[in-house]
Amino acid sequence: MRATRRFVNGALLALCALALLACTPKVQVEAPKEPITINMNIKIEHEVRVKVDKDLDQLFNKNDEIF
């Protein structure tokens, strides 16, 4: 009777362990199928205008006879 009870307890323990292992989540890391696009909206126009304005101011200050 004890041998049967040990067998049943062992079988139940193995079944519970198997059930717990079957429920573990699986995580997969995959590369995307489409390339990653990064849209950067940078306005350089303002910086360029400021540099041109400063250069023109210096030019006009040096040469008053241009206009």
Protein backbone atom coordinates (compact mmCIF):
# COMPACT_ATOMS: atom_id res chain seq x y z
CA MET A 1 0.00 0.00 0.00
CA ARG A 2 2.86 2.40 0.80
CA ALA A 3 4.56 1.72 -2.52
CA THR A 4 1.36 2.53 -4.39
CA ARG A 5 0.87 5.70 -2.40
CA ARG A 6 4.48 6.78 -3.11
CA PHE A 7 3.96 6.07 -6.78
CA VAL A 8 0.72 8.10 -6.85
CA ASN A 9 2.34 10.99 -4.93
CA GLY A 10 5.37 10.92 -7.25
CA ALA A 11 3.14 10.82 -10.32
CA LEU A 12 1.06 13.75 -9.01
CA LEU A 13 4.21 15.72 -8.23
CA ALA A 14 5.60 15.05 -11.72
CA LEU A 15 2.27 16.00 -13.29
CA CYS A 16 2.15 19.28 -11.34
CA ALA A 17 5.75 20.08 -12.30
CA LEU A 18 4.96 19.33 -15.95
CA ALA A 19 1.87 21.55 -15.81
CA LEU A 20 3.87 24.41 -14.32
CA LEU A 21 6.59 24.08 -16.96
CA ALA A 22 4.00 24.07 -19.74
CA CYS A 23 2.62 27.43 -18.55
CA THR A 24 5.88 29.38 -18.69
CA PRO A 25 5.73 32.35 -21.09
CA LYS A 26 7.91 32.35 -24.17
CA VAL A 27 9.62 35.57 -25.26
CA GLN A 28 10.93 35.90 -28.81
CA VAL A 29 13.04 38.76 -30.13
CA GLU A 30 12.82 39.29 -33.87
CA ALA A 31 14.14 41.95 -36.20
CA PRO A 32 11.40 44.01 -37.88
CA LYS A 33 10.48 43.09 -41.44
CA GLU A 34 10.38 46.75 -42.53
CA PRO A 35 13.27 49.15 -41.92
CA ILE A 36 12.95 51.59 -39.07
CA THR A 37 12.44 55.14 -40.32
CA ILE A 38 13.27 58.12 -38.17
CA ASN A 39 11.60 61.32 -39.28
CA MET A 40 13.51 64.31 -38.00
CA ASN A 41 11.93 67.63 -38.80
CA ILE A 42 14.81 70.03 -38.29
CA LYS A 43 14.60 73.57 -39.52
CA ILE A 44 17.99 74.90 -40.51
CA GLU A 45 16.52 77.76 -42.48
CA HIS A 46 16.47 80.11 -39.49
CA GLU A 47 20.10 79.50 -38.65
CA VAL A 48 21.16 80.06 -42.25
CA ARG A 49 19.24 83.32 -42.45
CA VAL A 50 20.82 84.62 -39.28
CA LYS A 51 24.29 83.85 -40.57
CA VAL A 52 23.56 85.50 -43.92
CA ASP A 53 22.03 88.53 -42.20
CA LYS A 54 25.09 88.93 -39.99
CA ASP A 55 27.41 88.60 -42.97
CA LEU A 56 25.41 91.16 -44.93
CA ASP A 57 25.41 93.58 -42.00
CA GLN A 58 29.18 93.32 -41.77
CA LEU A 59 29.54 93.80 -45.50
CA PHE A 60 27.29 96.89 -45.47
CA ASN A 61 29.15 98.33 -42.49
CA LYS A 62 32.50 97.92 -44.25
CA ASN A 63 31.35 99.25 -47.64
CA ASP A 64 28.91 102.12 -47.34
CA GLU A 65 29.17 102.83 -51.06
CA ILE A 66 27.53 99.57 -52.22
CA PHE A 67 24.09 101.16 -52.57
